[in-house]
């Protein structure tokens, strides 16, 4: 048996422990594991007609190669946001240019080449670790007849079908530490702090981080906010604090009422612009409306920098172990998941069958702009 493995999308803490768990379990069974570098760009860039020149896109994985990787953050396989179904011609490797018919949108689908690469390399099962984009494409390969196993990771915790994704706990831990640390400067200057966290469509990271850090207000991606109303609340929070400061947390995908998400920079080849800047915009508005200076801080990649915490180590290794155990039992075409506190599996296509967002009624006070846990009994230990 030969397994392929790759990591796609944004990096998160816990990817390396997951890779290690897959390799160790597979090695115990006498299987080989072949890593593809840089997400889906790895198999797309591999040329079966030039195996020697394409070796740079592979990483041969064994126990020696993964012995210490779980002590580090990120991914030894590296990662990209490449989507083989939606490639523009100029982004293709030279040997693939002109070989696919463009769609009406001007993109090409390189799936036939991806499948050819897997066949050439003798990949029996492909293990893909990623978020929505990576796993949606894995589900497409499953429909094409390739045996795949999906493992969900994203610090937004927004992959549909699982209660938990690798990387979420560490992102929350980093955020809580940063919010708490920023109280020092904010209080010293008697200001208002606005802390922007990652969270494109789901505000779960901002919600849980603000809840644990006991921030005064939290703005999540799911609920548009009224700047004047928020300013009045935050001004009152500041005056009620003997140290005369207030803390506000906001998701990068949050929007003012009647507005739209803040983006910057050029769109990528898939038409996506980077989200960001809503924290700075809110800070300016709060200063204008309250007359109080603000400190604005985007945590951005610091949320997912460094080694994983204990929970992400645990889930990453659990998912990796579960993946190999199920493959050994002859099962593929699934995504590993946590549901109701238990490890389980769901069909690989589940991630594309819905969206995972904050349950506003259960976890958020949309009038007060702050977390509100309506009922603890019956909820999972970590609420999410």
Protein backbone atom coordinates (compact mmCIF):
# COMPACT_ATOMS: atom_id res chain seq x y z
CA UNK A 1 0.00 0.00 0.00
CA UNK A 2 1.28 3.46 -0.88
CA UNK A 3 -0.34 6.55 0.62
CA UNK A 4 0.01 10.06 -0.74
CA UNK A 5 -0.36 13.03 1.59
CA UNK A 6 -0.48 16.80 1.21
CA UNK A 7 -1.43 19.92 3.15
CA UNK A 8 -3.34 22.69 1.38
CA UNK A 9 -4.65 26.18 2.15
CA UNK A 10 -3.46 28.28 5.08
CA UNK A 11 -1.02 26.76 7.53
CA UNK A 12 -2.18 26.00 11.07
CA UNK A 13 -0.47 24.53 14.13
CA UNK A 14 -1.06 20.78 14.20
CA UNK A 15 -0.32 19.89 10.59
CA UNK A 16 3.04 18.31 11.39
CA UNK A 17 1.70 16.12 14.23
CA UNK A 18 -1.03 14.91 11.88
CA UNK A 19 1.51 14.06 9.17
CA UNK A 20 3.63 12.25 11.75
CA UNK A 21 0.68 10.19 13.01
CA UNK A 22 -0.20 9.10 9.47
CA UNK A 23 3.39 8.15 8.67
CA UNK A 24 3.96 6.25 11.91
CA UNK A 25 0.77 4.24 11.68
CA UNK A 26 1.30 3.52 8.01
CA UNK A 27 4.90 2.43 8.63
CA UNK A 28 3.73 0.03 11.34
CA UNK A 29 1.59 -1.63 8.68
CA UNK A 30 4.49 -1.82 6.23
CA UNK A 31 3.06 0.86 3.94
CA UNK A 32 4.87 3.65 2.11
CA UNK A 33 3.98 7.33 2.42
CA UNK A 34 4.78 9.83 -0.30
CA UNK A 35 4.36 13.52 0.51
CA UNK A 36 3.50 16.13 -2.11
CA UNK A 37 5.02 19.55 -1.57
CA UNK A 38 3.01 22.79 -1.66
CA UNK A 39 -0.53 21.41 -1.53
CA UNK A 40 -2.28 20.62 -4.81
CA UNK A 41 0.53 22.46 -6.61
CA UNK A 42 2.68 19.38 -5.90
CA UNK A 43 0.84 16.80 -8.02
CA UNK A 44 -0.08 19.46 -10.58
CA UNK A 45 3.61 20.36 -11.07
CA UNK A 46 4.78 16.74 -11.26
CA UNK A 47 5.57 15.64 -14.79
CA UNK A 48 5.26 11.85 -15.25
CA UNK A 49 7.37 12.16 -18.39
CA UNK A 50 10.22 13.66 -16.36
CA UNK A 51 10.31 11.74 -13.05
CA UNK A 52 13.86 12.77 -12.19
CA UNK A 53 13.18 16.46 -12.76
CA UNK A 54 9.91 16.21 -10.84
CA UNK A 55 11.38 14.66 -7.71
CA UNK A 56 11.59 18.16 -6.13
CA UNK A 57 7.79 18.13 -5.84
CA UNK A 58 7.85 15.04 -3.60
CA UNK A 59 9.00 14.16 -0.10
CA UNK A 60 9.63 10.53 0.83
CA UNK A 61 8.25 10.15 4.35
CA UNK A 62 9.35 7.58 6.90
CA UNK A 63 9.85 7.49 10.66
CA UNK A 64 13.22 9.21 10.46
CA UNK A 65 11.81 12.04 8.32
CA UNK A 66 8.99 12.79 10.78
CA UNK A 67 10.71 12.01 14.08
CA UNK A 68 10.79 15.59 15.42
CA UNK A 69 8.31 17.45 13.23
CA UNK A 70 5.49 17.45 15.79
CA UNK A 71 7.50 19.91 17.90
CA UNK A 72 7.11 22.60 15.24
CA UNK A 73 4.29 24.66 13.79
CA UNK A 74 3.42 24.94 10.12
CA UNK A 75 3.90 22.06 7.72
CA UNK A 76 7.08 20.39 6.49
CA UNK A 77 5.30 19.74 3.19
CA UNK A 78 4.63 23.47 2.71
CA UNK A 79 1.32 24.64 1.33
CA UNK A 80 -0.45 26.73 -1.31
CA UNK A 81 -4.05 27.66 -2.12
CA UNK A 82 -3.81 26.06 -5.57
CA UNK A 83 -7.12 24.65 -6.87
CA UNK A 84 -6.50 22.29 -9.81
CA UNK A 85 -10.08 22.79 -11.08
CA UNK A 86 -9.71 26.54 -11.57
CA UNK A 87 -6.26 27.27 -12.97
CA UNK A 88 -5.43 30.15 -15.27
CA UNK A 89 -3.16 29.26 -18.18
CA UNK A 90 -0.25 31.46 -17.13
CA UNK A 91 -0.09 29.76 -13.71
CA UNK A 92 0.27 26.27 -15.17
CA UNK A 93 3.65 24.50 -15.37
CA UNK A 94 5.11 24.91 -18.86
CA UNK A 95 4.59 21.26 -19.77
CA UNK A 96 0.82 21.60 -19.14
CA UNK A 97 0.20 24.83 -21.05
CA UNK A 98 -2.11 24.44 -24.02
CA UNK A 99 -3.26 20.96 -23.01
CA UNK A 100 -6.64 21.89 -21.51
CA UNK A 101 -9.65 23.61 -22.99
CA UNK A 102 -10.45 26.86 -21.09
CA UNK A 103 -13.90 27.34 -19.57
CA UNK A 104 -16.07 30.40 -20.20
CA UNK A 105 -14.33 32.01 -17.23
CA UNK A 106 -10.93 31.42 -18.80
CA UNK A 107 -9.82 28.75 -16.31
CA UNK A 108 -8.85 25.14 -16.92
CA UNK A 109 -9.46 21.93 -14.99
CA UNK A 110 -6.26 19.92 -14.58
CA UNK A 111 -7.93 16.95 -12.85
CA UNK A 112 -7.05 14.46 -15.65
CA UNK A 113 -3.38 15.32 -15.11
CA UNK A 114 -3.70 14.96 -11.30
CA UNK A 115 -5.20 11.50 -11.70
CA UNK A 116 -2.47 10.54 -14.16
CA UNK A 117 0.19 11.58 -11.63
CA UNK A 118 -1.37 9.46 -8.88
CA UNK A 119 -1.54 6.47 -11.22
CA UNK A 120 2.07 6.97 -12.35
CA UNK A 121 3.32 7.13 -8.76
CA UNK A 122 1.25 4.17 -7.63
CA UNK A 123 -0.73 6.11 -5.05
CA UNK A 124 -3.40 3.79 -3.63
CA UNK A 125 -5.03 6.31 -1.28
CA UNK A 126 -4.57 10.08 -1.11
CA UNK A 127 -4.73 11.72 2.33
CA UNK A 128 -5.53 15.44 2.09
CA UNK A 129 -5.30 17.81 5.05
CA UNK A 130 -6.95 21.17 4.51
CA UNK A 131 -9.93 23.48 4.71
CA UNK A 132 -12.96 23.87 2.48
CA UNK A 133 -11.07 24.44 -0.77
CA UNK A 134 -8.61 21.58 -0.35
CA UNK A 135 -11.25 19.13 0.86
CA UNK A 136 -13.82 20.12 -1.76
CA UNK A 137 -11.33 19.18 -4.43
CA UNK A 138 -10.55 15.93 -2.62
CA UNK A 139 -14.27 15.15 -2.71
CA UNK A 140 -14.22 15.81 -6.45
CA UNK A 141 -11.40 13.28 -6.87
CA UNK A 142 -13.45 10.80 -4.85
CA UNK A 143 -16.27 11.23 -7.37
CA UNK A 144 -13.74 10.66 -10.14
CA UNK A 145 -12.85 7.28 -8.64
CA UNK A 146 -9.66 8.17 -6.73
CA UNK A 147 -9.53 6.74 -3.22
CA UNK A 148 -9.17 9.68 -0.82
CA UNK A 149 -9.32 10.49 2.88
CA UNK A 150 -9.88 14.06 4.08
CA UNK A 151 -8.68 15.60 7.34
CA UNK A 152 -10.14 19.03 8.28
CA UNK A 153 -7.97 21.89 9.44
CA UNK A 154 -8.72 25.59 9.78
CA UNK A 155 -8.26 28.03 12.61
CA UNK A 156 -11.72 29.44 11.81
CA UNK A 157 -13.16 26.01 12.72
CA UNK A 158 -15.58 26.37 9.80
CA UNK A 159 -15.41 23.08 7.88
CA UNK A 160 -18.95 21.73 7.72
CA UNK A 161 -19.45 18.25 9.13
CA UNK A 162 -17.09 18.36 12.10
CA UNK A 163 -17.29 20.10 15.46
CA UNK A 164 -13.54 20.65 15.50
CA UNK A 165 -10.79 21.41 12.97
CA UNK A 166 -7.04 21.19 13.56
CA UNK A 167 -5.60 24.60 14.43
CA UNK A 168 -8.59 26.17 16.15
CA UNK A 169 -7.52 25.77 19.78
CA UNK A 170 -4.05 27.19 19.17
CA UNK A 171 -5.49 30.17 17.28
CA UNK A 172 -7.79 30.90 20.21
CA UNK A 173 -4.96 30.47 22.72
CA UNK A 174 -2.71 32.88 20.80
CA UNK A 175 -5.56 35.38 20.50
CA UNK A 176 -6.48 35.28 24.18
CA UNK A 177 -2.85 35.82 25.17
CA UNK A 178 -2.53 38.79 22.80
CA UNK A 179 -5.80 40.41 23.88
CA UNK A 180 -4.80 40.09 27.52
CA UNK A 181 -1.32 41.50 26.84
CA UNK A 182 -2.73 44.50 24.97
CA UNK A 183 -4.60 45.55 28.10
CA UNK A 184 -1.27 46.87 29.38
CA UNK A 185 -0.80 49.57 26.75
CA UNK A 186 -4.50 50.25 26.34
CA UNK A 187 -4.95 50.83 30.06
CA UNK A 188 -1.78 52.87 30.41
CA UNK A 189 -3.03 55.33 27.78
CA UNK A 190 -6.71 55.07 28.77
CA UNK A 191 -7.69 54.18 25.23
CA UNK A 192 -9.94 51.80 23.33
CA UNK A 193 -8.27 48.76 21.75
CA UNK A 194 -9.64 47.12 18.61
CA UNK A 195 -8.15 43.67 17.96
CA UNK A 196 -8.80 42.15 14.53
CA UNK A 197 -8.72 38.37 14.23
CA UNK A 198 -8.88 36.08 11.22
CA UNK A 199 -12.38 34.87 10.35
CA UNK A 200 -13.63 35.34 6.80
CA UNK A 201 -17.15 33.91 7.04
CA UNK A 202 -17.25 32.48 10.54
CA UNK A 203 -16.76 34.56 13.67
CA UNK A 204 -16.17 31.59 15.94
CA UNK A 205 -12.52 32.41 16.63
CA UNK A 206 -13.38 36.00 17.58
CA UNK A 207 -16.36 34.86 19.63
CA UNK A 208 -14.53 32.27 21.71
CA UNK A 209 -11.37 34.39 22.07
CA UNK A 210 -13.31 37.42 23.29
CA UNK A 211 -15.35 35.22 25.63
CA UNK A 212 -12.26 33.71 27.24
CA UNK A 213 -10.33 37.00 27.34
CA UNK A 214 -13.42 38.78 28.73
CA UNK A 215 -13.27 41.53 26.12
CA UNK A 216 -15.90 44.25 26.45
CA UNK A 217 -17.41 43.79 22.99
CA UNK A 218 -17.02 41.31 20.13
CA UNK A 219 -18.03 41.85 16.51
CA UNK A 220 -18.43 38.64 14.52
CA UNK A 221 -18.69 38.01 10.79
CA UNK A 222 -22.26 36.76 11.02
CA UNK A 223 -23.82 39.93 12.47
CA UNK A 224 -23.44 43.37 10.79
CA UNK A 225 -22.89 46.12 13.34
CA UNK A 226 -24.02 49.70 13.82
CA UNK A 227 -20.96 51.87 14.47
CA UNK A 228 -22.81 54.56 16.46
CA UNK A 229 -24.53 52.01 18.69
CA UNK A 230 -21.25 50.18 19.25
CA UNK A 231 -19.43 53.42 20.03
CA UNK A 232 -21.95 54.29 22.73
CA UNK A 233 -21.58 50.86 24.32
CA UNK A 234 -17.78 50.96 24.21
CA UNK A 235 -17.65 54.51 25.63
CA UNK A 236 -19.77 53.32 28.56
CA UNK A 237 -17.54 50.25 29.00
CA UNK A 238 -14.52 52.52 29.23
CA UNK A 239 -16.07 54.81 31.81
CA UNK A 240 -17.19 51.87 33.94
CA UNK A 241 -13.64 50.53 34.01
CA UNK A 242 -11.61 52.08 36.86
CA UNK A 243 -8.57 51.95 34.56
CA UNK A 244 -10.50 53.86 31.87
CA UNK A 245 -10.01 51.58 28.87
CA UNK A 246 -12.06 49.15 26.78
CA UNK A 247 -11.30 46.12 24.62
CA UNK A 248 -13.08 45.26 21.35
CA UNK A 249 -12.48 42.13 19.26
CA UNK A 250 -13.57 41.93 15.62
CA UNK A 251 -13.56 39.28 12.87
CA UNK A 252 -11.76 40.23 9.65
CA UNK A 253 -14.96 39.41 7.74
CA UNK A 254 -17.21 41.62 9.89
CA UNK A 255 -19.25 44.34 8.19
CA UNK A 256 -20.95 47.56 9.19
CA UNK A 257 -24.69 47.68 8.57
CA UNK A 258 -25.22 48.46 4.91
CA UNK A 259 -21.51 47.99 4.16
CA UNK A 260 -19.36 45.18 2.87
CA UNK A 261 -16.31 43.22 3.96
CA UNK A 262 -13.02 45.13 3.82
CA UNK A 263 -10.49 43.85 1.30
CA UNK A 264 -7.08 44.92 0.07
CA UNK A 265 -4.57 44.13 -2.67
CA UNK A 266 -5.04 42.48 -6.03
CA UNK A 267 -7.40 39.53 -6.43
CA UNK A 268 -5.69 36.16 -6.83
CA UNK A 269 -6.17 33.88 -9.84
CA UNK A 270 -9.42 32.63 -8.32
CA UNK A 271 -10.85 36.15 -7.99
CA UNK A 272 -10.40 36.31 -4.21
CA UNK A 273 -9.14 39.42 -2.48
CA UNK A 274 -7.50 39.40 0.92
CA UNK A 275 -9.79 40.35 3.78
CA UNK A 276 -8.53 42.82 6.34
CA UNK A 277 -8.72 46.40 7.46
CA UNK A 278 -12.08 46.37 9.24
CA UNK A 279 -10.30 46.72 12.59
CA UNK A 280 -8.53 49.89 11.46
CA UNK A 281 -11.75 51.26 10.00
CA UNK A 282 -13.63 50.55 13.21
CA UNK A 283 -10.87 52.14 15.27
CA UNK A 284 -11.14 55.36 13.26
CA UNK A 285 -14.91 55.37 13.65
CA UNK A 286 -14.72 54.82 17.41
CA UNK A 287 -12.28 57.69 17.77
CA UNK A 288 -14.48 59.95 15.66
CA UNK A 289 -17.64 59.06 17.57
CA UNK A 290 -16.22 58.94 21.12
CA UNK A 291 -13.31 61.36 20.99
CA UNK A 292 -11.12 58.67 22.57
CA UNK A 293 -7.92 57.51 20.86
CA UNK A 294 -7.82 53.89 19.79
CA UNK A 295 -5.14 51.23 19.53
CA UNK A 296 -5.78 48.96 16.54
CA UNK A 297 -4.00 45.63 16.24
CA UNK A 298 -4.44 42.90 13.63
CA UNK A 299 -3.11 39.61 14.96
CA UNK A 300 -3.22 38.01 11.50
CA UNK A 301 -0.61 35.27 11.07
CA UNK A 302 0.49 35.47 14.70
CA UNK A 303 -2.71 33.58 15.48
CA UNK A 304 -1.31 30.51 13.73
CA UNK A 305 2.38 30.95 14.33
CA UNK A 306 4.44 28.54 16.39
CA UNK A 307 3.87 25.07 17.75
CA UNK A 308 0.38 23.65 18.43
CA UNK A 309 -1.09 23.58 21.91
CA UNK A 310 -1.99 20.32 23.65
CA UNK A 311 -5.52 20.11 22.23
CA UNK A 312 -4.37 20.58 18.65
CA UNK A 313 -1.64 18.00 19.21
CA UNK A 314 -4.28 15.60 20.48
CA UNK A 315 -6.80 16.12 17.67
CA UNK A 316 -4.14 16.16 14.95
CA UNK A 317 -2.72 12.85 16.08
CA UNK A 318 -6.22 11.47 16.60
CA UNK A 319 -7.29 12.39 13.06
CA UNK A 320 -4.08 11.00 11.53
CA UNK A 321 -4.39 7.74 13.44
CA UNK A 322 -8.08 7.40 12.61
CA UNK A 323 -7.39 7.96 8.91
CA UNK A 324 -4.91 5.08 8.69
CA UNK A 325 -7.02 2.76 10.84
CA UNK A 326 -10.00 3.27 8.53
CA UNK A 327 -7.89 2.78 5.40
CA UNK A 328 -6.56 -0.48 6.89
CA UNK A 329 -10.17 -1.57 7.37
CA UNK A 330 -10.81 -0.97 3.67
CA UNK A 331 -12.71 2.31 4.04
CA UNK A 332 -12.00 5.47 2.03
CA UNK A 333 -14.04 8.38 0.68
CA UNK A 334 -14.52 9.91 4.13
CA UNK A 335 -13.54 12.93 6.21
CA UNK A 336 -12.34 12.48 9.78
CA UNK A 337 -14.44 14.43 12.25
CA UNK A 338 -15.27 15.15 15.88
CA UNK A 339 -18.97 15.00 16.67
CA UNK A 340 -20.47 15.29 20.15
CA UNK A 341 -16.99 14.89 21.60
CA UNK A 342 -16.24 11.65 19.75
CA UNK A 343 -13.92 10.86 16.85
CA UNK A 344 -15.85 9.63 13.84
CA UNK A 345 -16.01 9.85 10.05
CA UNK A 346 -18.46 11.42 7.60
CA UNK A 347 -18.65 11.16 3.80
CA UNK A 348 -15.97 13.21 2.05
CA UNK A 349 -18.63 15.26 0.28
CA UNK A 350 -20.05 16.49 3.60
CA UNK A 351 -17.75 19.52 3.69
CA UNK A 352 -19.44 20.87 0.54
CA UNK A 353 -23.00 20.23 1.69
CA UNK A 354 -23.38 23.21 4.03
CA UNK A 355 -21.73 26.07 5.87
CA UNK A 356 -20.54 26.12 9.48
CA UNK A 357 -21.25 29.42 11.20
CA UNK A 358 -21.70 30.74 14.73
CA UNK A 359 -25.03 29.76 16.28
CA UNK A 360 -25.94 33.36 17.09
CA UNK A 361 -29.02 32.49 19.15
CA UNK A 362 -27.02 30.17 21.40
CA UNK A 363 -23.72 32.00 21.69
CA UNK A 364 -24.08 35.70 20.87
CA UNK A 365 -26.02 38.75 22.00
CA UNK A 366 -26.55 40.62 18.73
CA UNK A 367 -27.94 43.67 20.54
CA UNK A 368 -25.09 44.05 23.02
CA UNK A 369 -22.34 42.85 20.63
CA UNK A 370 -20.84 40.37 23.03
CA UNK A 371 -20.72 36.61 23.68
CA UNK A 372 -23.67 35.20 25.59
CA UNK A 373 -23.79 31.52 26.38
CA UNK A 374 -27.52 30.86 26.54
CA UNK A 375 -27.18 27.33 27.92
CA UNK A 376 -24.14 25.36 29.05
CA UNK A 377 -25.85 22.09 29.95
CA UNK A 378 -25.62 19.65 27.08
CA UNK A 379 -22.93 21.62 25.25
CA UNK A 380 -19.50 20.09 24.46
CA UNK A 381 -16.73 20.80 26.96
CA UNK A 382 -15.25 23.53 24.75
CA UNK A 383 -18.73 24.78 23.67
CA UNK A 384 -17.81 24.52 19.99
